[in-house]
Amino acid sequence: MQEFIKYYETIKNQDFNKITEHSLRPALNELLLFIANEFNPKIKVINYLVWIWIRNGEIQRRETLCEDLTTFKRHLS
């Protein structure tokens, strides 16, 4: 998927000494909007730091994407 490759390239090109929790938001938002529009237009991208799994109209689980920027940096390096 070209959109994911673009997002991945954006991550790789970041200077992790200068990155903030806001640095990747535009690229991630673009990726999530593409996925929502391509696969299910009913999906609304509002707060992508909190993910909600829904099955048959019922919330199954909620999870925070990244609570700690230090952990996020460690996973990407």
PDB file of N, CA and C in Angstrom:
ATOM      1  N   MET A   1       0.848  -1.159   0.000  1.00  0.00           N
ATOM      2  CA  MET A   1       0.000   0.000   0.000  1.00  0.00           C
ATOM      3  C   MET A   1       0.904   1.235   0.000  1.00  0.00           C
ATOM      4  N   GLN A   2       0.767   2.039  -1.009  1.00  0.00           N
ATOM      5  CA  GLN A   2       1.606   3.221  -1.186  1.00  0.00           C
ATOM      6  C   GLN A   2       1.490   4.204  -0.020  1.00  0.00           C
ATOM      7  N   GLU A   3       0.302   4.338   0.540  1.00  0.00           N
ATOM      8  CA  GLU A   3       0.098   5.272   1.644  1.00  0.00           C
ATOM      9  C   GLU A   3       0.894   4.861   2.884  1.00  0.00           C
ATOM     10  N   PHE A   4       0.961   3.552   3.141  1.00  0.00           N
ATOM     11  CA  PHE A   4       1.735   3.084   4.291  1.00  0.00           C
ATOM     12  C   PHE A   4       3.224   3.304   4.052  1.00  0.00           C
ATOM     13  N   ILE A   5       3.671   3.056   2.835  1.00  0.00           N
ATOM     14  CA  ILE A   5       5.081   3.278   2.513  1.00  0.00           C
ATOM     15  C   ILE A   5       5.441   4.742   2.722  1.00  0.00           C
ATOM     16  N   LYS A   6       4.567   5.635   2.306  1.00  0.00           N
ATOM     17  CA  LYS A   6       4.794   7.069   2.507  1.00  0.00           C
ATOM     18  C   LYS A   6       4.893   7.396   3.997  1.00  0.00           C
ATOM     19  N   TYR A   7       4.007   6.823   4.800  1.00  0.00           N
ATOM     20  CA  TYR A   7       4.037   7.049   6.247  1.00  0.00           C
ATOM     21  C   TYR A   7       5.328   6.500   6.849  1.00  0.00           C
ATOM     22  N   TYR A   8       5.712   5.307   6.456  1.00  0.00           N
ATOM     23  CA  TYR A   8       6.934   4.670   6.960  1.00  0.00           C
ATOM     24  C   TYR A   8       8.163   5.516   6.600  1.00  0.00           C
ATOM     25  N   GLU A   9       8.205   6.018   5.385  1.00  0.00           N
ATOM     26  CA  GLU A   9       9.321   6.877   4.960  1.00  0.00           C
ATOM     27  C   GLU A   9       9.367   8.153   5.795  1.00  0.00           C
ATOM     28  N   THR A  10       8.225   8.696   6.133  1.00  0.00           N
ATOM     29  CA  THR A  10       8.170   9.886   6.979  1.00  0.00           C
ATOM     30  C   THR A  10       8.778   9.588   8.342  1.00  0.00           C
ATOM     31  N   ILE A  11       8.449   8.432   8.901  1.00  0.00           N
ATOM     32  CA  ILE A  11       9.016   8.032  10.195  1.00  0.00           C
ATOM     33  C   ILE A  11      10.531   7.884  10.093  1.00  0.00           C
ATOM     34  N   LYS A  12      10.990   7.197   9.069  1.00  0.00           N
ATOM     35  CA  LYS A  12      12.424   6.966   8.909  1.00  0.00           C
ATOM     36  C   LYS A  12      13.214   8.256   8.759  1.00  0.00           C
ATOM     37  N   ASN A  13      12.610   9.272   8.178  1.00  0.00           N
ATOM     38  CA  ASN A  13      13.311  10.524   7.919  1.00  0.00           C
ATOM     39  C   ASN A  13      13.285  11.501   9.087  1.00  0.00           C
ATOM     40  N   GLN A  14      12.671  11.117  10.192  1.00  0.00           N
ATOM     41  CA  GLN A  14      12.586  12.004  11.360  1.00  0.00           C
ATOM     42  C   GLN A  14      13.908  12.006  12.131  1.00  0.00           C
ATOM     43  N   ASP A  15      14.247  13.146  12.663  1.00  0.00           N
ATOM     44  CA  ASP A  15      15.364  13.259  13.590  1.00  0.00           C
ATOM     45  C   ASP A  15      14.785  12.992  14.982  1.00  0.00           C
ATOM     46  N   PHE A  16      15.086  11.847  15.545  1.00  0.00           N
ATOM     47  CA  PHE A  16      14.461  11.443  16.797  1.00  0.00           C
ATOM     48  C   PHE A  16      14.901  12.273  17.995  1.00  0.00           C
ATOM     49  N   ASN A  17      15.928  13.082  17.816  1.00  0.00           N
ATOM     50  CA  ASN A  17      16.314  14.002  18.892  1.00  0.00           C
ATOM     51  C   ASN A  17      15.416  15.230  18.915  1.00  0.00           C
ATOM     52  N   LYS A  18      14.699  15.472  17.813  1.00  0.00           N
ATOM     53  CA  LYS A  18      13.849  16.654  17.717  1.00  0.00           C
ATOM     54  C   LYS A  18      12.364  16.326  17.597  1.00  0.00           C
ATOM     55  N   ILE A  19      12.019  15.061  17.549  1.00  0.00           N
ATOM     56  CA  ILE A  19      10.626  14.655  17.330  1.00  0.00           C
ATOM     57  C   ILE A  19       9.779  14.935  18.572  1.00  0.00           C
ATOM     58  N   THR A  20       8.541  15.296  18.338  1.00  0.00           N
ATOM     59  CA  THR A  20       7.562  15.454  19.426  1.00  0.00           C
ATOM     60  C   THR A  20       6.369  14.561  19.108  1.00  0.00           C
ATOM     61  N   GLU A  21       5.414  14.524  20.019  1.00  0.00           N
ATOM     62  CA  GLU A  21       4.228  13.702  19.767  1.00  0.00           C
ATOM     63  C   GLU A  21       3.401  14.247  18.611  1.00  0.00           C
ATOM     64  N   HIS A  22       3.685  15.473  18.191  1.00  0.00           N
ATOM     65  CA  HIS A  22       2.938  16.084  17.096  1.00  0.00           C
ATOM     66  C   HIS A  22       3.622  15.934  15.741  1.00  0.00           C
ATOM     67  N   SER A  23       4.870  15.543  15.729  1.00  0.00           N
ATOM     68  CA  SER A  23       5.643  15.512  14.488  1.00  0.00           C
ATOM     69  C   SER A  23       5.054  14.626  13.402  1.00  0.00           C
ATOM     70  N   LEU A  24       4.524  13.491  13.786  1.00  0.00           N
ATOM     71  CA  LEU A  24       4.026  12.528  12.807  1.00  0.00           C
ATOM     72  C   LEU A  24       2.520  12.585  12.613  1.00  0.00           C
ATOM     73  N   ARG A  25       1.844  13.459  13.320  1.00  0.00           N
ATOM     74  CA  ARG A  25       0.380  13.511  13.230  1.00  0.00           C
ATOM     75  C   ARG A  25      -0.145  13.741  11.821  1.00  0.00           C
ATOM     76  N   PRO A  26       0.386  14.684  11.058  1.00  0.00           N
ATOM     77  CA  PRO A  26      -0.163  14.875   9.706  1.00  0.00           C
ATOM     78  C   PRO A  26      -0.034  13.635   8.826  1.00  0.00           C
ATOM     79  N   ALA A  27       1.120  12.979   8.876  1.00  0.00           N
ATOM     80  CA  ALA A  27       1.325  11.788   8.056  1.00  0.00           C
ATOM     81  C   ALA A  27       0.432  10.632   8.516  1.00  0.00           C
ATOM     82  N   LEU A  28       0.311  10.458   9.828  1.00  0.00           N
ATOM     83  CA  LEU A  28      -0.555   9.392  10.349  1.00  0.00           C
ATOM     84  C   LEU A  28      -2.014   9.681  10.030  1.00  0.00           C
ATOM     85  N   ASN A  29      -2.414  10.918  10.163  1.00  0.00           N
ATOM     86  CA  ASN A  29      -3.790  11.294   9.852  1.00  0.00           C
ATOM     87  C   ASN A  29      -4.108  10.989   8.386  1.00  0.00           C
ATOM     88  N   GLU A  30      -3.183  11.316   7.496  1.00  0.00           N
ATOM     89  CA  GLU A  30      -3.381  11.042   6.070  1.00  0.00           C
ATOM     90  C   GLU A  30      -3.536   9.539   5.810  1.00  0.00           C
ATOM     91  N   LEU A  31      -2.700   8.740   6.458  1.00  0.00           N
ATOM     92  CA  LEU A  31      -2.791   7.284   6.305  1.00  0.00           C
ATOM     93  C   LEU A  31      -4.122   6.757   6.828  1.00  0.00           C
ATOM     94  N   LEU A  32      -4.523   7.186   8.006  1.00  0.00           N
ATOM     95  CA  LEU A  32      -5.771   6.694   8.590  1.00  0.00           C
ATOM     96  C   LEU A  32      -6.989   7.129   7.791  1.00  0.00           C
ATOM     97  N   LEU A  33      -6.969   8.347   7.288  1.00  0.00           N
ATOM     98  CA  LEU A  33      -8.087   8.796   6.453  1.00  0.00           C
ATOM     99  C   LEU A  33      -8.180   7.971   5.174  1.00  0.00           C
ATOM    100  N   PHE A  34      -7.049   7.642   4.578  1.00  0.00           N
ATOM    101  CA  PHE A  34      -7.060   6.801   3.385  1.00  0.00           C
ATOM    102  C   PHE A  34      -7.672   5.442   3.704  1.00  0.00           C
ATOM    103  N   ILE A  35      -7.221   4.820   4.785  1.00  0.00           N
ATOM    104  CA  ILE A  35      -7.736   3.500   5.161  1.00  0.00           C
ATOM    105  C   ILE A  35      -9.234   3.564   5.409  1.00  0.00           C
ATOM    106  N   ALA A  36      -9.673   4.575   6.145  1.00  0.00           N
ATOM    107  CA  ALA A  36     -11.102   4.707   6.429  1.00  0.00           C
ATOM    108  C   ALA A  36     -11.903   4.883   5.147  1.00  0.00           C
ATOM    109  N   ASN A  37     -11.455   5.755   4.268  1.00  0.00           N
ATOM    110  CA  ASN A  37     -12.192   6.011   3.027  1.00  0.00           C
ATOM    111  C   ASN A  37     -12.161   4.827   2.077  1.00  0.00           C
ATOM    112  N   GLU A  38     -11.050   4.122   2.059  1.00  0.00           N
ATOM    113  CA  GLU A  38     -10.891   2.988   1.134  1.00  0.00           C
ATOM    114  C   GLU A  38     -11.679   1.757   1.586  1.00  0.00           C
ATOM    115  N   PHE A  39     -11.669   1.478   2.884  1.00  0.00           N
ATOM    116  CA  PHE A  39     -12.230   0.228   3.368  1.00  0.00           C
ATOM    117  C   PHE A  39     -13.585   0.350   4.048  1.00  0.00           C
ATOM    118  N   ASN A  40     -13.840   1.478   4.696  1.00  0.00           N
ATOM    119  CA  ASN A  40     -15.126   1.642   5.364  1.00  0.00           C
ATOM    120  C   ASN A  40     -15.378   3.123   5.620  1.00  0.00           C
ATOM    121  N   PRO A  41     -16.137   3.767   4.747  1.00  0.00           N
ATOM    122  CA  PRO A  41     -16.397   5.205   4.894  1.00  0.00           C
ATOM    123  C   PRO A  41     -17.114   5.578   6.198  1.00  0.00           C
ATOM    124  N   LYS A  42     -17.667   4.597   6.919  1.00  0.00           N
ATOM    125  CA  LYS A  42     -18.321   4.889   8.191  1.00  0.00           C
ATOM    126  C   LYS A  42     -17.310   5.156   9.305  1.00  0.00           C
ATOM    127  N   ILE A  43     -16.047   4.779   9.078  1.00  0.00           N
ATOM    128  CA  ILE A  43     -15.008   5.017  10.070  1.00  0.00           C
ATOM    129  C   ILE A  43     -14.702   6.505  10.100  1.00  0.00           C
ATOM    130  N   LYS A  44     -14.699   7.066  11.277  1.00  0.00           N
ATOM    131  CA  LYS A  44     -14.385   8.481  11.451  1.00  0.00           C
ATOM    132  C   LYS A  44     -13.049   8.601  12.181  1.00  0.00           C
ATOM    133  N   VAL A  45     -12.129   9.312  11.585  1.00  0.00           N
ATOM    134  CA  VAL A  45     -10.828   9.529  12.197  1.00  0.00           C
ATOM    135  C   VAL A  45     -10.909  10.845  12.963  1.00  0.00           C
ATOM    136  N   ILE A  46     -10.919  10.742  14.285  1.00  0.00           N
ATOM    137  CA  ILE A  46     -11.034  11.926  15.137  1.00  0.00           C
ATOM    138  C   ILE A  46      -9.818  11.994  16.061  1.00  0.00           C
ATOM    139  N   ASN A  47      -9.654  10.997  16.887  1.00  0.00           N
ATOM    140  CA  ASN A  47      -8.537  10.951  17.824  1.00  0.00           C
ATOM    141  C   ASN A  47      -7.831   9.619  17.614  1.00  0.00           C
ATOM    142  N   TYR A  48      -6.790   9.642  16.813  1.00  0.00           N
ATOM    143  CA  TYR A  48      -6.151   8.385  16.453  1.00  0.00           C
ATOM    144  C   TYR A  48      -5.136   7.911  17.486  1.00  0.00           C
ATOM    145  N   LEU A  49      -5.002   8.610  18.605  1.00  0.00           N
ATOM    146  CA  LEU A  49      -4.164   8.097  19.680  1.00  0.00           C
ATOM    147  C   LEU A  49      -4.921   7.085  20.529  1.00  0.00           C
ATOM    148  N   VAL A  50      -6.251   7.113  20.428  1.00  0.00           N
ATOM    149  CA  VAL A  50      -7.075   6.127  21.115  1.00  0.00           C
ATOM    150  C   VAL A  50      -7.766   5.285  20.052  1.00  0.00           C
ATOM    151  N   TRP A  51      -7.500   3.991  20.074  1.00  0.00           N
ATOM    152  CA  TRP A  51      -8.099   3.072  19.097  1.00  0.00           C
ATOM    153  C   TRP A  51      -9.234   2.319  19.771  1.00  0.00           C
ATOM    154  N   ILE A  52     -10.304   2.147  19.033  1.00  0.00           N
ATOM    155  CA  ILE A  52     -11.477   1.441  19.551  1.00  0.00           C
ATOM    156  C   ILE A  52     -11.809   0.309  18.590  1.00  0.00           C
ATOM    157  N   TRP A  53     -11.859  -0.923  19.109  1.00  0.00           N
ATOM    158  CA  TRP A  53     -12.250  -2.074  18.306  1.00  0.00           C
ATOM    159  C   TRP A  53     -13.746  -2.301  18.486  1.00  0.00           C
ATOM    160  N   ILE A  54     -14.458  -2.332  17.367  1.00  0.00           N
ATOM    161  CA  ILE A  54     -15.907  -2.493  17.396  1.00  0.00           C
ATOM    162  C   ILE A  54     -16.279  -3.723  16.575  1.00  0.00           C
ATOM    163  N   ARG A  55     -17.139  -4.567  17.125  1.00  0.00           N
ATOM    164  CA  ARG A  55     -17.648  -5.734  16.417  1.00  0.00           C
ATOM    165  C   ARG A  55     -19.155  -5.782  16.608  1.00  0.00           C
ATOM    166  N   ASN A  56     -19.863  -5.890  15.506  1.00  0.00           N
ATOM    167  CA  ASN A  56     -21.325  -5.949  15.541  1.00  0.00           C
ATOM    168  C   ASN A  56     -21.922  -4.768  16.308  1.00  0.00           C
ATOM    169  N   GLY A  57     -21.316  -3.602  16.130  1.00  0.00           N
ATOM    170  CA  GLY A  57     -21.839  -2.402  16.756  1.00  0.00           C
ATOM    171  C   GLY A  57     -21.505  -2.252  18.226  1.00  0.00           C
ATOM    172  N   GLU A  58     -20.770  -3.189  18.815  1.00  0.00           N
ATOM    173  CA  GLU A  58     -20.421  -3.142  20.231  1.00  0.00           C
ATOM    174  C   GLU A  58     -18.923  -2.891  20.396  1.00  0.00           C
ATOM    175  N   ILE A  59     -18.559  -1.999  21.316  1.00  0.00           N
ATOM    176  CA  ILE A  59     -17.154  -1.744  21.596  1.00  0.00           C
ATOM    177  C   ILE A  59     -16.558  -2.967  22.288  1.00  0.00           C
ATOM    178  N   GLN A  60     -15.504  -3.505  21.686  1.00  0.00           N
ATOM    179  CA  GLN A  60     -14.840  -4.683  22.233  1.00  0.00           C
ATOM    180  C   GLN A  60     -13.673  -4.303  23.143  1.00  0.00           C
ATOM    181  N   ARG A  61     -12.956  -3.241  22.733  1.00  0.00           N
ATOM    182  CA  ARG A  61     -11.764  -2.872  23.488  1.00  0.00           C
ATOM    183  C   ARG A  61     -11.308  -1.477  23.062  1.00  0.00           C
ATOM    184  N   ARG A  62     -10.656  -0.781  23.976  1.00  0.00           N
ATOM    185  CA  ARG A  62     -10.029   0.514  23.702  1.00  0.00           C
ATOM    186  C   ARG A  62      -8.553   0.399  24.077  1.00  0.00           C
ATOM    187  N   GLU A  63      -7.725   1.098  23.318  1.00  0.00           N
ATOM    188  CA  GLU A  63      -6.303   1.068  23.626  1.00  0.00           C
ATOM    189  C   GLU A  63      -5.660   2.377  23.184  1.00  0.00           C
ATOM    190  N   THR A  64      -4.726   2.869  23.973  1.00  0.00           N
ATOM    191  CA  THR A  64      -3.992   4.075  23.620  1.00  0.00           C
ATOM    192  C   THR A  64      -2.820   3.682  22.753  1.00  0.00           C
ATOM    193  N   LEU A  65      -2.680   4.351  21.626  1.00  0.00           N
ATOM    194  CA  LEU A  65      -1.627   4.029  20.679  1.00  0.00           C
ATOM    195  C   LEU A  65      -0.250   4.240  21.281  1.00  0.00           C
ATOM    196  N   CYS A  66      -0.041   5.365  21.924  1.00  0.00           N
ATOM    197  CA  CYS A  66       1.271   5.672  22.479  1.00  0.00           C
ATOM    198  C   CYS A  66       1.097   6.620  23.649  1.00  0.00           C
ATOM    199  N   GLU A  67       1.350   6.117  24.833  1.00  0.00           N
ATOM    200  CA  GLU A  67       1.211   6.956  26.013  1.00  0.00           C
ATOM    201  C   GLU A  67       2.489   7.718  26.320  1.00  0.00           C
ATOM    202  N   ASP A  68       3.596   7.214  25.832  1.00  0.00           N
ATOM    203  CA  ASP A  68       4.887   7.750  26.225  1.00  0.00           C
ATOM    204  C   ASP A  68       5.766   7.886  24.992  1.00  0.00           C
ATOM    205  N   LEU A  69       6.197   9.075  24.665  1.00  0.00           N
ATOM    206  CA  LEU A  69       7.006   9.304  23.474  1.00  0.00           C
ATOM    207  C   LEU A  69       8.340   8.577  23.555  1.00  0.00           C
ATOM    208  N   THR A  70       8.892   8.409  24.747  1.00  0.00           N
ATOM    209  CA  THR A  70      10.151   7.689  24.904  1.00  0.00           C
ATOM    210  C   THR A  70       9.991   6.246  24.457  1.00  0.00           C
ATOM    211  N   THR A  71       8.893   5.609  24.826  1.00  0.00           N
ATOM    212  CA  THR A  71       8.621   4.243  24.402  1.00  0.00           C
ATOM    213  C   THR A  71       8.476   4.185  22.891  1.00  0.00           C
ATOM    214  N   PHE A  72       7.784   5.156  22.308  1.00  0.00           N
ATOM    215  CA  PHE A  72       7.584   5.217  20.865  1.00  0.00           C
ATOM    216  C   PHE A  72       8.932   5.298  20.152  1.00  0.00           C
ATOM    217  N   LYS A  73       9.827   6.163  20.607  1.00  0.00           N
ATOM    218  CA  LYS A  73      11.137   6.304  19.996  1.00  0.00           C
ATOM    219  C   LYS A  73      11.933   5.002  20.086  1.00  0.00           C
ATOM    220  N   ARG A  74      11.856   4.340  21.225  1.00  0.00           N
ATOM    221  CA  ARG A  74      12.598   3.102  21.435  1.00  0.00           C
ATOM    222  C   ARG A  74      12.133   2.018  20.468  1.00  0.00           C
ATOM    223  N   HIS A  75      10.834   1.949  20.197  1.00  0.00           N
ATOM    224  CA  HIS A  75      10.297   0.938  19.283  1.00  0.00           C
ATOM    225  C   HIS A  75      10.706   1.192  17.844  1.00  0.00           C
ATOM    226  N   LEU A  76      10.915   2.450  17.489  1.00  0.00           N
ATOM    227  CA  LEU A  76      11.267   2.780  16.102  1.00  0.00           C
ATOM    228  C   LEU A  76      12.761   2.685  15.835  1.00  0.00           C
ATOM    229  N   SER A  77      13.589   2.688  16.869  1.00  0.00           N
ATOM    230  CA  SER A  77      15.021   2.657  16.612  1.00  0.00           C
ATOM    231  C   SER A  77      15.559   1.256  16.511  1.00  0.00           C
TER     232      SER A  77
END
